[in-house]
Amino acid sequence: MKALTANRLIDGEVVFWKDGEWVERFADAQLFDEAAQEAAEAAEAHGKNQPTVVVEPYLIDLVDAGGLWAPLSFRERIRALGPQNHPSHGKQAEGGAVVEALLHADGAARSTGRVNLIKRK
């Protein structure tokens, strides 16, 4: 399972792809399974063609975290939760099942999409 993420150019906010639009909450993100790989790659290509809207869109790997999906890498979980300098700051302050899944997910590997971005594939 994968999701597409980027940073919005105008304010740096972490955003996620959903049905042709960028949304701010991981809970609202469109998830792509193996059968939707072509759709995921098409969404990533579409995002890369929006240089005045988002910066460096890439696909992130997800893991099952207690029945909900969460990013595999710790970095992506931090990005999805927003600033973590205090529990009452950022997207984590909203609470809910998805935030709990993000807080309790395991895995520290980098997403393959991030590695490809670093390698400029």
PDB file of N, CA and C in Angstrom:
ATOM      1  N   MET A   1       0.850  -1.175   0.000  1.00  0.00           N
ATOM      2  CA  MET A   1       0.000   0.000   0.000  1.00  0.00           C
ATOM      3  C   MET A   1       0.890   1.230   0.000  1.00  0.00           C
ATOM      4  N   LYS A   2       0.487   2.241  -0.742  1.00  0.00           N
ATOM      5  CA  LYS A   2       1.267   3.470  -0.843  1.00  0.00           C
ATOM      6  C   LYS A   2       0.346   4.688  -0.790  1.00  0.00           C
ATOM      7  N   ALA A   3       0.938   5.828  -0.487  1.00  0.00           N
ATOM      8  CA  ALA A   3       0.251   7.115  -0.556  1.00  0.00           C
ATOM      9  C   ALA A   3       1.230   8.098  -1.180  1.00  0.00           C
ATOM     10  N   LEU A   4       0.704   9.142  -1.764  1.00  0.00           N
ATOM     11  CA  LEU A   4       1.538  10.162  -2.404  1.00  0.00           C
ATOM     12  C   LEU A   4       1.589  11.389  -1.501  1.00  0.00           C
ATOM     13  N   THR A   5       2.791  11.869  -1.246  1.00  0.00           N
ATOM     14  CA  THR A   5       2.964  13.041  -0.387  1.00  0.00           C
ATOM     15  C   THR A   5       3.880  14.061  -1.047  1.00  0.00           C
ATOM     16  N   ALA A   6       3.838  15.272  -0.550  1.00  0.00           N
ATOM     17  CA  ALA A   6       4.691  16.372  -1.033  1.00  0.00           C
ATOM     18  C   ALA A   6       4.612  17.493   0.003  1.00  0.00           C
ATOM     19  N   ASN A   7       5.289  18.579  -0.278  1.00  0.00           N
ATOM     20  CA  ASN A   7       5.147  19.796   0.518  1.00  0.00           C
ATOM     21  C   ASN A   7       4.549  20.867  -0.375  1.00  0.00           C
ATOM     22  N   ARG A   8       3.548  21.551   0.142  1.00  0.00           N
ATOM     23  CA  ARG A   8       2.928  22.628  -0.615  1.00  0.00           C
ATOM     24  C   ARG A   8       3.920  23.781  -0.728  1.00  0.00           C
ATOM     25  N   LEU A   9       4.077  24.303  -1.923  1.00  0.00           N
ATOM     26  CA  LEU A   9       5.094  25.315  -2.192  1.00  0.00           C
ATOM     27  C   LEU A   9       4.840  26.615  -1.441  1.00  0.00           C
ATOM     28  N   ILE A  10       3.611  27.031  -1.347  1.00  0.00           N
ATOM     29  CA  ILE A  10       3.309  28.354  -0.796  1.00  0.00           C
ATOM     30  C   ILE A  10       3.590  28.476   0.703  1.00  0.00           C
ATOM     31  N   ASP A  11       3.438  27.380   1.458  1.00  0.00           N
ATOM     32  CA  ASP A  11       3.638  27.474   2.911  1.00  0.00           C
ATOM     33  C   ASP A  11       4.428  26.307   3.511  1.00  0.00           C
ATOM     34  N   GLY A  12       4.838  25.347   2.697  1.00  0.00           N
ATOM     35  CA  GLY A  12       5.625  24.224   3.191  1.00  0.00           C
ATOM     36  C   GLY A  12       4.828  23.136   3.874  1.00  0.00           C
ATOM     37  N   GLU A  13       3.530  23.274   3.926  1.00  0.00           N
ATOM     38  CA  GLU A  13       2.681  22.284   4.601  1.00  0.00           C
ATOM     39  C   GLU A  13       2.807  20.920   3.927  1.00  0.00           C
ATOM     40  N   VAL A  14       2.866  19.875   4.743  1.00  0.00           N
ATOM     41  CA  VAL A  14       2.866  18.509   4.226  1.00  0.00           C
ATOM     42  C   VAL A  14       1.475  18.222   3.678  1.00  0.00           C
ATOM     43  N   VAL A  15       1.423  17.736   2.451  1.00  0.00           N
ATOM     44  CA  VAL A  15       0.135  17.444   1.827  1.00  0.00           C
ATOM     45  C   VAL A  15       0.149  16.031   1.248  1.00  0.00           C
ATOM     46  N   PHE A  16      -1.051  15.511   1.054  1.00  0.00           N
ATOM     47  CA  PHE A  16      -1.239  14.160   0.521  1.00  0.00           C
ATOM     48  C   PHE A  16      -2.220  14.227  -0.640  1.00  0.00           C
ATOM     49  N   TRP A  17      -2.032  13.311  -1.569  1.00  0.00           N
ATOM     50  CA  TRP A  17      -2.848  13.270  -2.775  1.00  0.00           C
ATOM     51  C   TRP A  17      -4.174  12.577  -2.522  1.00  0.00           C
ATOM     52  N   LYS A  18      -5.255  13.173  -3.016  1.00  0.00           N
ATOM     53  CA  LYS A  18      -6.548  12.516  -2.959  1.00  0.00           C
ATOM     54  C   LYS A  18      -7.368  12.904  -4.178  1.00  0.00           C
ATOM     55  N   ASP A  19      -7.568  11.953  -5.058  1.00  0.00           N
ATOM     56  CA  ASP A  19      -8.451  12.116  -6.211  1.00  0.00           C
ATOM     57  C   ASP A  19      -8.210  13.415  -6.975  1.00  0.00           C
ATOM     58  N   GLY A  20      -6.955  13.692  -7.286  1.00  0.00           N
ATOM     59  CA  GLY A  20      -6.631  14.852  -8.113  1.00  0.00           C
ATOM     60  C   GLY A  20      -6.403  16.142  -7.356  1.00  0.00           C
ATOM     61  N   GLU A  21      -6.444  16.090  -6.036  1.00  0.00           N
ATOM     62  CA  GLU A  21      -6.225  17.292  -5.229  1.00  0.00           C
ATOM     63  C   GLU A  21      -5.237  16.980  -4.097  1.00  0.00           C
ATOM     64  N   TRP A  22      -4.669  18.015  -3.547  1.00  0.00           N
ATOM     65  CA  TRP A  22      -3.775  17.878  -2.396  1.00  0.00           C
ATOM     66  C   TRP A  22      -4.556  18.205  -1.137  1.00  0.00           C
ATOM     67  N   VAL A  23      -4.498  17.302  -0.147  1.00  0.00           N
ATOM     68  CA  VAL A  23      -5.186  17.505   1.129  1.00  0.00           C
ATOM     69  C   VAL A  23      -4.144  17.521   2.245  1.00  0.00           C
ATOM     70  N   GLU A  24      -4.472  18.131   3.360  1.00  0.00           N
ATOM     71  CA  GLU A  24      -3.496  18.300   4.445  1.00  0.00           C
ATOM     72  C   GLU A  24      -3.441  17.135   5.421  1.00  0.00           C
ATOM     73  N   ARG A  25      -4.449  16.321   5.475  1.00  0.00           N
ATOM     74  CA  ARG A  25      -4.501  15.253   6.476  1.00  0.00           C
ATOM     75  C   ARG A  25      -4.198  13.892   5.864  1.00  0.00           C
ATOM     76  N   PHE A  26      -3.310  13.145   6.538  1.00  0.00           N
ATOM     77  CA  PHE A  26      -3.026  11.787   6.091  1.00  0.00           C
ATOM     78  C   PHE A  26      -4.305  10.954   6.105  1.00  0.00           C
ATOM     79  N   ALA A  27      -5.184  11.214   7.041  1.00  0.00           N
ATOM     80  CA  ALA A  27      -6.444  10.463   7.131  1.00  0.00           C
ATOM     81  C   ALA A  27      -7.279  10.606   5.872  1.00  0.00           C
ATOM     82  N   ASP A  28      -7.089  11.692   5.142  1.00  0.00           N
ATOM     83  CA  ASP A  28      -7.854  11.928   3.915  1.00  0.00           C
ATOM     84  C   ASP A  28      -7.123  11.455   2.661  1.00  0.00           C
ATOM     85  N   ALA A  29      -5.899  10.977   2.816  1.00  0.00           N
ATOM     86  CA  ALA A  29      -5.079  10.609   1.657  1.00  0.00           C
ATOM     87  C   ALA A  29      -5.672   9.429   0.899  1.00  0.00           C
ATOM     88  N   GLN A  30      -5.460   9.453  -0.409  1.00  0.00           N
ATOM     89  CA  GLN A  30      -5.846   8.320  -1.244  1.00  0.00           C
ATOM     90  C   GLN A  30      -4.763   7.253  -1.112  1.00  0.00           C
ATOM     91  N   LEU A  31      -5.167   6.019  -0.849  1.00  0.00           N
ATOM     92  CA  LEU A  31      -4.226   4.921  -0.700  1.00  0.00           C
ATOM     93  C   LEU A  31      -4.250   4.057  -1.953  1.00  0.00           C
ATOM     94  N   PHE A  32      -3.071   3.629  -2.385  1.00  0.00           N
ATOM     95  CA  PHE A  32      -2.929   2.834  -3.603  1.00  0.00           C
ATOM     96  C   PHE A  32      -2.420   1.450  -3.239  1.00  0.00           C
ATOM     97  N   ASP A  33      -3.184   0.406  -3.600  1.00  0.00           N
ATOM     98  CA  ASP A  33      -2.696  -0.958  -3.372  1.00  0.00           C
ATOM     99  C   ASP A  33      -1.897  -1.412  -4.593  1.00  0.00           C
ATOM    100  N   GLU A  34      -1.431  -2.655  -4.581  1.00  0.00           N
ATOM    101  CA  GLU A  34      -0.600  -3.176  -5.674  1.00  0.00           C
ATOM    102  C   GLU A  34      -1.328  -3.093  -7.011  1.00  0.00           C
ATOM    103  N   ALA A  35      -2.631  -3.346  -7.008  1.00  0.00           N
ATOM    104  CA  ALA A  35      -3.409  -3.310  -8.246  1.00  0.00           C
ATOM    105  C   ALA A  35      -3.522  -1.898  -8.808  1.00  0.00           C
ATOM    106  N   ALA A  36      -3.328  -0.910  -7.983  1.00  0.00           N
ATOM    107  CA  ALA A  36      -3.444   0.485  -8.410  1.00  0.00           C
ATOM    108  C   ALA A  36      -2.073   1.136  -8.604  1.00  0.00           C
ATOM    109  N   GLN A  37      -1.059   0.336  -8.847  1.00  0.00           N
ATOM    110  CA  GLN A  37       0.299   0.853  -9.010  1.00  0.00           C
ATOM    111  C   GLN A  37       0.381   1.881 -10.146  1.00  0.00           C
ATOM    112  N   GLU A  38      -0.274   1.584 -11.262  1.00  0.00           N
ATOM    113  CA  GLU A  38      -0.243   2.525 -12.390  1.00  0.00           C
ATOM    114  C   GLU A  38      -0.917   3.842 -12.019  1.00  0.00           C
ATOM    115  N   ALA A  39      -2.008   3.777 -11.292  1.00  0.00           N
ATOM    116  CA  ALA A  39      -2.690   4.992 -10.850  1.00  0.00           C
ATOM    117  C   ALA A  39      -1.804   5.789  -9.898  1.00  0.00           C
ATOM    118  N   ALA A  40      -1.071   5.082  -9.036  1.00  0.00           N
ATOM    119  CA  ALA A  40      -0.161   5.759  -8.107  1.00  0.00           C
ATOM    120  C   ALA A  40       0.951   6.475  -8.862  1.00  0.00           C
ATOM    121  N   GLU A  41       1.513   5.797  -9.842  1.00  0.00           N
ATOM    122  CA  GLU A  41       2.585   6.400 -10.632  1.00  0.00           C
ATOM    123  C   GLU A  41       2.059   7.575 -11.464  1.00  0.00           C
ATOM    124  N   ALA A  42       0.832   7.447 -11.960  1.00  0.00           N
ATOM    125  CA  ALA A  42       0.229   8.550 -12.712  1.00  0.00           C
ATOM    126  C   ALA A  42      -0.007   9.760 -11.808  1.00  0.00           C
ATOM    127  N   ALA A  43      -0.448   9.506 -10.579  1.00  0.00           N
ATOM    128  CA  ALA A  43      -0.656  10.600  -9.632  1.00  0.00           C
ATOM    129  C   ALA A  43       0.674  11.272  -9.296  1.00  0.00           C
ATOM    130  N   GLU A  44       1.723  10.460  -9.102  1.00  0.00           N
ATOM    131  CA  GLU A  44       3.048  11.013  -8.812  1.00  0.00           C
ATOM    132  C   GLU A  44       3.534  11.868  -9.996  1.00  0.00           C
ATOM    133  N   ALA A  45       3.345  11.368 -11.204  1.00  0.00           N
ATOM    134  CA  ALA A  45       3.751  12.130 -12.393  1.00  0.00           C
ATOM    135  C   ALA A  45       2.959  13.432 -12.489  1.00  0.00           C
ATOM    136  N   HIS A  46       1.671  13.366 -12.172  1.00  0.00           N
ATOM    137  CA  HIS A  46       0.847  14.574 -12.192  1.00  0.00           C
ATOM    138  C   HIS A  46       1.369  15.581 -11.160  1.00  0.00           C
ATOM    139  N   GLY A  47       1.713  15.091  -9.976  1.00  0.00           N
ATOM    140  CA  GLY A  47       2.245  15.970  -8.938  1.00  0.00           C
ATOM    141  C   GLY A  47       3.567  16.601  -9.347  1.00  0.00           C
ATOM    142  N   LYS A  48       4.398  15.816 -10.029  1.00  0.00           N
ATOM    143  CA  LYS A  48       5.694  16.364 -10.473  1.00  0.00           C
ATOM    144  C   LYS A  48       5.524  17.408 -11.557  1.00  0.00           C
ATOM    145  N   ASN A  49       4.379  17.407 -12.194  1.00  0.00           N
ATOM    146  CA  ASN A  49       4.094  18.429 -13.199  1.00  0.00           C
ATOM    147  C   ASN A  49       3.382  19.642 -12.604  1.00  0.00           C
ATOM    148  N   GLN A  50       3.407  19.772 -11.291  1.00  0.00           N
ATOM    149  CA  GLN A  50       2.820  20.924 -10.605  1.00  0.00           C
ATOM    150  C   GLN A  50       3.898  21.660  -9.803  1.00  0.00           C
ATOM    151  N   PRO A  51       4.976  22.109 -10.466  1.00  0.00           N
ATOM    152  CA  PRO A  51       6.089  22.717  -9.718  1.00  0.00           C
ATOM    153  C   PRO A  51       5.735  24.026  -9.032  1.00  0.00           C
ATOM    154  N   THR A  52       4.632  24.648  -9.396  1.00  0.00           N
ATOM    155  CA  THR A  52       4.240  25.881  -8.720  1.00  0.00           C
ATOM    156  C   THR A  52       3.243  25.625  -7.594  1.00  0.00           C
ATOM    157  N   VAL A  53       2.915  24.344  -7.380  1.00  0.00           N
ATOM    158  CA  VAL A  53       1.945  23.975  -6.340  1.00  0.00           C
ATOM    159  C   VAL A  53       2.614  23.191  -5.216  1.00  0.00           C
ATOM    160  N   VAL A  54       3.386  22.149  -5.572  1.00  0.00           N
ATOM    161  CA  VAL A  54       4.026  21.295  -4.576  1.00  0.00           C
ATOM    162  C   VAL A  54       5.496  21.086  -4.913  1.00  0.00           C
ATOM    163  N   VAL A  55       6.249  20.654  -3.893  1.00  0.00           N
ATOM    164  CA  VAL A  55       7.672  20.382  -4.040  1.00  0.00           C
ATOM    165  C   VAL A  55       7.912  18.899  -3.806  1.00  0.00           C
ATOM    166  N   GLU A  56       8.655  18.275  -4.706  1.00  0.00           N
ATOM    167  CA  GLU A  56       9.154  16.907  -4.554  1.00  0.00           C
ATOM    168  C   GLU A  56       8.092  15.880  -4.151  1.00  0.00           C
ATOM    169  N   PRO A  57       7.056  15.675  -4.927  1.00  0.00           N
ATOM    170  CA  PRO A  57       6.091  14.626  -4.581  1.00  0.00           C
ATOM    171  C   PRO A  57       6.717  13.235  -4.738  1.00  0.00           C
ATOM    172  N   TYR A  58       6.389  12.333  -3.832  1.00  0.00           N
ATOM    173  CA  TYR A  58       6.888  10.956  -3.914  1.00  0.00           C
ATOM    174  C   TYR A  58       5.934  10.036  -3.184  1.00  0.00           C
ATOM    175  N   LEU A  59       5.989   8.769  -3.577  1.00  0.00           N
ATOM    176  CA  LEU A  59       5.137   7.742  -2.978  1.00  0.00           C
ATOM    177  C   LEU A  59       5.789   7.226  -1.708  1.00  0.00           C
ATOM    178  N   ILE A  60       4.993   7.042  -0.672  1.00  0.00           N
ATOM    179  CA  ILE A  60       5.507   6.503   0.584  1.00  0.00           C
ATOM    180  C   ILE A  60       4.895   5.131   0.827  1.00  0.00           C
ATOM    181  N   ASP A  61       5.677   4.259   1.437  1.00  0.00           N
ATOM    182  CA  ASP A  61       5.217   2.916   1.770  1.00  0.00           C
ATOM    183  C   ASP A  61       4.416   2.971   3.066  1.00  0.00           C
ATOM    184  N   LEU A  62       3.359   2.169   3.120  1.00  0.00           N
ATOM    185  CA  LEU A  62       2.501   2.125   4.298  1.00  0.00           C
ATOM    186  C   LEU A  62       2.517   0.745   4.920  1.00  0.00           C
ATOM    187  N   VAL A  63       2.259   0.679   6.220  1.00  0.00           N
ATOM    188  CA  VAL A  63       2.148  -0.585   6.935  1.00  0.00           C
ATOM    189  C   VAL A  63       0.826  -0.599   7.696  1.00  0.00           C
ATOM    190  N   ASP A  64       0.358  -1.805   7.955  1.00  0.00           N
ATOM    191  CA  ASP A  64      -0.852  -1.972   8.750  1.00  0.00           C
ATOM    192  C   ASP A  64      -0.508  -1.691  10.212  1.00  0.00           C
ATOM    193  N   ALA A  65      -1.199  -0.733  10.781  1.00  0.00           N
ATOM    194  CA  ALA A  65      -0.951  -0.363  12.185  1.00  0.00           C
ATOM    195  C   ALA A  65      -2.260  -0.502  12.958  1.00  0.00           C
ATOM    196  N   GLY A  66      -2.523  -1.704  13.406  1.00  0.00           N
ATOM    197  CA  GLY A  66      -3.732  -1.930  14.183  1.00  0.00           C
ATOM    198  C   GLY A  66      -5.009  -1.796  13.375  1.00  0.00           C
ATOM    199  N   GLY A  67      -4.983  -2.243  12.135  1.00  0.00           N
ATOM    200  CA  GLY A  67      -6.177  -2.193  11.293  1.00  0.00           C
ATOM    201  C   GLY A  67      -6.285  -0.946  10.440  1.00  0.00           C
ATOM    202  N   LEU A  68      -5.423   0.020  10.662  1.00  0.00           N
ATOM    203  CA  LEU A  68      -5.379   1.227   9.830  1.00  0.00           C
ATOM    204  C   LEU A  68      -4.000   1.317   9.189  1.00  0.00           C
ATOM    205  N   TRP A  69      -3.889   2.100   8.145  1.00  0.00           N
ATOM    206  CA  TRP A  69      -2.620   2.246   7.445  1.00  0.00           C
ATOM    207  C   TRP A  69      -1.860   3.445   7.981  1.00  0.00           C
ATOM    208  N   ALA A  70      -0.542   3.264   8.082  1.00  0.00           N
ATOM    209  CA  ALA A  70       0.344   4.341   8.543  1.00  0.00           C
ATOM    210  C   ALA A  70       1.636   4.258   7.747  1.00  0.00           C
ATOM    211  N   PRO A  71       2.332   5.367   7.578  1.00  0.00           N
ATOM    212  CA  PRO A  71       3.613   5.327   6.861  1.00  0.00           C
ATOM    213  C   PRO A  71       4.605   4.386   7.550  1.00  0.00           C
ATOM    214  N   LEU A  72       5.370   3.671   6.733  1.00  0.00           N
ATOM    215  CA  LEU A  72       6.373   2.751   7.258  1.00  0.00           C
ATOM    216  C   LEU A  72       7.497   3.503   7.956  1.00  0.00           C
ATOM    217  N   SER A  73       7.943   4.580   7.372  1.00  0.00           N
ATOM    218  CA  SER A  73       9.120   5.256   7.925  1.00  0.00           C
ATOM    219  C   SER A  73       8.732   6.247   9.024  1.00  0.00           C
ATOM    220  N   PHE A  74       9.613   6.334   9.983  1.00  0.00           N
ATOM    221  CA  PHE A  74       9.418   7.250  11.105  1.00  0.00           C
ATOM    222  C   PHE A  74       9.329   8.688  10.599  1.00  0.00           C
ATOM    223  N   ARG A  75      10.170   9.022   9.639  1.00  0.00           N
ATOM    224  CA  ARG A  75      10.161  10.370   9.062  1.00  0.00           C
ATOM    225  C   ARG A  75       8.786  10.736   8.515  1.00  0.00           C
ATOM    226  N   GLU A  76       8.185   9.813   7.788  1.00  0.00           N
ATOM    227  CA  GLU A  76       6.880  10.104   7.183  1.00  0.00           C
ATOM    228  C   GLU A  76       5.781  10.188   8.242  1.00  0.00           C
ATOM    229  N   ARG A  77       5.905   9.419   9.311  1.00  0.00           N
ATOM    230  CA  ARG A  77       4.913   9.517  10.398  1.00  0.00           C
ATOM    231  C   ARG A  77       5.016  10.889  11.069  1.00  0.00           C
ATOM    232  N   ILE A  78       6.228  11.376  11.258  1.00  0.00           N
ATOM    233  CA  ILE A  78       6.401  12.712  11.844  1.00  0.00           C
ATOM    234  C   ILE A  78       5.816  13.771  10.921  1.00  0.00           C
ATOM    235  N   ARG A  79       6.066  13.635   9.620  1.00  0.00           N
ATOM    236  CA  ARG A  79       5.517  14.603   8.659  1.00  0.00           C
ATOM    237  C   ARG A  79       3.992  14.583   8.697  1.00  0.00           C
ATOM    238  N   ALA A  80       3.398  13.390   8.811  1.00  0.00           N
ATOM    239  CA  ALA A  80       1.937  13.263   8.812  1.00  0.00           C
ATOM    240  C   ALA A  80       1.308  13.819  10.087  1.00  0.00           C
ATOM    241  N   LEU A  81       2.052  13.776  11.184  1.00  0.00           N
ATOM    242  CA  LEU A  81       1.521  14.245  12.465  1.00  0.00           C
ATOM    243  C   LEU A  81       1.687  15.751  12.666  1.00  0.00           C
ATOM    244  N   GLY A  82       2.493  16.372  11.830  1.00  0.00           N
ATOM    245  CA  GLY A  82       2.704  17.807  11.984  1.00  0.00           C
ATOM    246  C   GLY A  82       3.769  18.096  13.016  1.00  0.00           C
ATOM    247  N   PRO A  83       3.969  19.337  13.357  1.00  0.00           N
ATOM    248  CA  PRO A  83       5.005  19.642  14.357  1.00  0.00           C
ATOM    249  C   PRO A  83       4.776  18.843  15.637  1.00  0.00           C
ATOM    250  N   GLN A  84       5.844  18.247  16.151  1.00  0.00           N
ATOM    251  CA  GLN A  84       5.725  17.422  17.351  1.00  0.00           C
ATOM    252  C   GLN A  84       6.455  18.012  18.533  1.00  0.00           C
ATOM    253  N   ASN A  85       6.613  19.318  18.575  1.00  0.00           N
ATOM    254  CA  ASN A  85       7.323  19.925  19.694  1.00  0.00           C
ATOM    255  C   ASN A  85       6.491  19.905  20.969  1.00  0.00           C
ATOM    256  N   HIS A  86       5.186  19.670  20.851  1.00  0.00           N
ATOM    257  CA  HIS A  86       4.309  19.569  22.013  1.00  0.00           C
ATOM    258  C   HIS A  86       3.071  18.771  21.593  1.00  0.00           C
ATOM    259  N   PRO A  87       2.539  17.908  22.469  1.00  0.00           N
ATOM    260  CA  PRO A  87       1.383  17.086  22.081  1.00  0.00           C
ATOM    261  C   PRO A  87       0.152  17.888  21.652  1.00  0.00           C
ATOM    262  N   SER A  88       0.059  19.145  22.059  1.00  0.00           N
ATOM    263  CA  SER A  88      -1.110  19.940  21.670  1.00  0.00           C
ATOM    264  C   SER A  88      -0.869  20.733  20.387  1.00  0.00           C
ATOM    265  N   HIS A  89       0.290  20.517  19.715  1.00  0.00           N
ATOM    266  CA  HIS A  89       0.594  21.216  18.469  1.00  0.00           C
ATOM    267  C   HIS A  89       0.455  20.278  17.282  1.00  0.00           C
ATOM    268  N   GLY A  90       0.221  20.859  16.139  1.00  0.00           N
ATOM    269  CA  GLY A  90       0.226  20.096  14.894  1.00  0.00           C
ATOM    270  C   GLY A  90      -1.021  19.263  14.689  1.00  0.00           C
ATOM    271  N   LYS A  91      -0.946  18.425  13.673  1.00  0.00           N
ATOM    272  CA  LYS A  91      -2.080  17.594  13.293  1.00  0.00           C
ATOM    273  C   LYS A  91      -2.369  16.529  14.347  1.00  0.00           C
ATOM    274  N   GLN A  92      -1.353  16.161  15.141  1.00  0.00           N
ATOM    275  CA  GLN A  92      -1.551  15.147  16.177  1.00  0.00           C
ATOM    276  C   GLN A  92      -2.532  15.610  17.246  1.00  0.00           C
ATOM    277  N   ALA A  93      -2.676  16.916  17.414  1.00  0.00           N
ATOM    278  CA  ALA A  93      -3.574  17.458  18.431  1.00  0.00           C
ATOM    279  C   ALA A  93      -5.042  17.169  18.120  1.00  0.00           C
ATOM    280  N   GLU A  94      -5.334  16.883  16.845  1.00  0.00           N
ATOM    281  CA  GLU A  94      -6.711  16.593  16.455  1.00  0.00           C
ATOM    282  C   GLU A  94      -7.194  15.243  16.972  1.00  0.00           C
ATOM    283  N   GLY A  95      -6.238  14.337  17.224  1.00  0.00           N
ATOM    284  CA  GLY A  95      -6.602  13.016  17.731  1.00  0.00           C
ATOM    285  C   GLY A  95      -7.339  12.183  16.707  1.00  0.00           C
ATOM    286  N   GLY A  96      -7.927  11.090  17.179  1.00  0.00           N
ATOM    287  CA  GLY A  96      -8.663  10.208  16.288  1.00  0.00           C
ATOM    288  C   GLY A  96      -7.908   8.922  16.022  1.00  0.00           C
ATOM    289  N   ALA A  97      -8.581   7.994  15.379  1.00  0.00           N
ATOM    290  CA  ALA A  97      -8.032   6.662  15.147  1.00  0.00           C
ATOM    291  C   ALA A  97      -6.799   6.705  14.248  1.00  0.00           C
ATOM    292  N   VAL A  98      -6.818   7.538  13.218  1.00  0.00           N
ATOM    293  CA  VAL A  98      -5.667   7.599  12.308  1.00  0.00           C
ATOM    294  C   VAL A  98      -4.448   8.174  13.016  1.00  0.00           C
ATOM    295  N   VAL A  99      -4.629   9.188  13.837  1.00  0.00           N
ATOM    296  CA  VAL A  99      -3.507   9.747  14.592  1.00  0.00           C
ATOM    297  C   VAL A  99      -2.956   8.701  15.563  1.00  0.00           C
ATOM    298  N   GLU A 100      -3.819   7.940  16.198  1.00  0.00           N
ATOM    299  CA  GLU A 100      -3.353   6.858  17.087  1.00  0.00           C
ATOM    300  C   GLU A 100      -2.563   5.821  16.305  1.00  0.00           C
ATOM    301  N   ALA A 101      -3.028   5.469  15.111  1.00  0.00           N
ATOM    302  CA  ALA A 101      -2.292   4.518  14.275  1.00  0.00           C
ATOM    303  C   ALA A 101      -0.926   5.075  13.906  1.00  0.00           C
ATOM    304  N   LEU A 102      -0.858   6.369  13.604  1.00  0.00           N
ATOM    305  CA  LEU A 102       0.419   6.994  13.264  1.00  0.00           C
ATOM    306  C   LEU A 102       1.364   6.984  14.462  1.00  0.00           C
ATOM    307  N   LEU A 103       0.818   7.229  15.640  1.00  0.00           N
ATOM    308  CA  LEU A 103       1.654   7.280  16.841  1.00  0.00           C
ATOM    309  C   LEU A 103       2.179   5.909  17.253  1.00  0.00           C
ATOM    310  N   HIS A 104       1.456   4.853  16.908  1.00  0.00           N
ATOM    311  CA  HIS A 104       1.830   3.518  17.368  1.00  0.00           C
ATOM    312  C   HIS A 104       2.337   2.595  16.265  1.00  0.00           C
ATOM    313  N   ALA A 105       2.546   3.108  15.081  1.00  0.00           N
ATOM    314  CA  ALA A 105       3.061   2.284  13.985  1.00  0.00           C
ATOM    315  C   ALA A 105       4.533   1.970  14.219  1.00  0.00           C
ATOM    316  N   ASP A 106       4.979   0.848  13.661  1.00  0.00           N
ATOM    317  CA  ASP A 106       6.375   0.440  13.768  1.00  0.00           C
ATOM    318  C   ASP A 106       7.039   0.536  12.399  1.00  0.00           C
ATOM    319  N   GLY A 107       8.355   0.580  12.434  1.00  0.00           N
ATOM    320  CA  GLY A 107       9.117   0.593  11.194  1.00  0.00           C
ATOM    321  C   GLY A 107       9.960   1.845  11.122  1.00  0.00           C
ATOM    322  N   ALA A 108      11.186   1.665  10.701  1.00  0.00           N
ATOM    323  CA  ALA A 108      12.085   2.800  10.626  1.00  0.00           C
ATOM    324  C   ALA A 108      12.737   2.932   9.257  1.00  0.00           C
ATOM    325  N   ALA A 109      12.351   2.063   8.338  1.00  0.00           N
ATOM    326  CA  ALA A 109      12.972   2.099   7.014  1.00  0.00           C
ATOM    327  C   ALA A 109      12.495   3.317   6.234  1.00  0.00           C
ATOM    328  N   ARG A 110      13.287   3.719   5.285  1.00  0.00           N
ATOM    329  CA  ARG A 110      12.880   4.806   4.401  1.00  0.00           C
ATOM    330  C   ARG A 110      11.909   4.254   3.377  1.00  0.00           C
ATOM    331  N   SER A 111      10.993   5.075   2.948  1.00  0.00           N
ATOM    332  CA  SER A 111      10.096   4.697   1.876  1.00  0.00           C
ATOM    333  C   SER A 111      10.883   4.604   0.581  1.00  0.00           C
ATOM    334  N   THR A 112      10.494   3.651  -0.251  1.00  0.00           N
ATOM    335  CA  THR A 112      11.194   3.500  -1.525  1.00  0.00           C
ATOM    336  C   THR A 112      11.053   4.753  -2.373  1.00  0.00           C
ATOM    337  N   GLY A 113       9.922   5.440  -2.275  1.00  0.00           N
ATOM    338  CA  GLY A 113       9.736   6.669  -3.032  1.00  0.00           C
ATOM    339  C   GLY A 113      10.718   7.746  -2.602  1.00  0.00           C
ATOM    340  N   ARG A 114      10.995   7.832  -1.306  1.00  0.00           N
ATOM    341  CA  ARG A 114      11.958   8.810  -0.787  1.00  0.00           C
ATOM    342  C   ARG A 114      13.367   8.463  -1.243  1.00  0.00           C
ATOM    343  N   VAL A 115      13.710   7.170  -1.214  1.00  0.00           N
ATOM    344  CA  VAL A 115      15.038   6.735  -1.664  1.00  0.00           C
ATOM    345  C   VAL A 115      15.199   7.060  -3.145  1.00  0.00           C
ATOM    346  N   ASN A 116      14.158   6.792  -3.935  1.00  0.00           N
ATOM    347  CA  ASN A 116      14.222   7.120  -5.361  1.00  0.00           C
ATOM    348  C   ASN A 116      14.366   8.613  -5.574  1.00  0.00           C
ATOM    349  N   LEU A 117      13.710   9.403  -4.729  1.00  0.00           N
ATOM    350  CA  LEU A 117      13.817  10.858  -4.831  1.00  0.00           C
ATOM    351  C   LEU A 117      15.244  11.295  -4.543  1.00  0.00           C
ATOM    352  N   ILE A 118      15.857  10.714  -3.512  1.00  0.00           N
ATOM    353  CA  ILE A 118      17.237  11.059  -3.167  1.00  0.00           C
ATOM    354  C   ILE A 118      18.186  10.659  -4.289  1.00  0.00           C
ATOM    355  N   LYS A 119      17.927   9.487  -4.879  1.00  0.00           N
ATOM    356  CA  LYS A 119      18.787   8.998  -5.962  1.00  0.00           C
ATOM    357  C   LYS A 119      18.455   9.652  -7.298  1.00  0.00           C
ATOM    358  N   ARG A 120      17.398  10.447  -7.322  1.00  0.00           N
ATOM    359  CA  ARG A 120      16.949  11.133  -8.538  1.00  0.00           C
ATOM    360  C   ARG A 120      16.591  10.144  -9.633  1.00  0.00           C
ATOM    361  N   LYS A 121      15.881   9.071  -9.242  1.00  0.00           N
ATOM    362  CA  LYS A 121      15.412   8.103 -10.246  1.00  0.00           C
ATOM    363  C   LYS A 121      14.193   8.615 -10.920  1.00  0.00           C
TER     364      LYS A 121
END
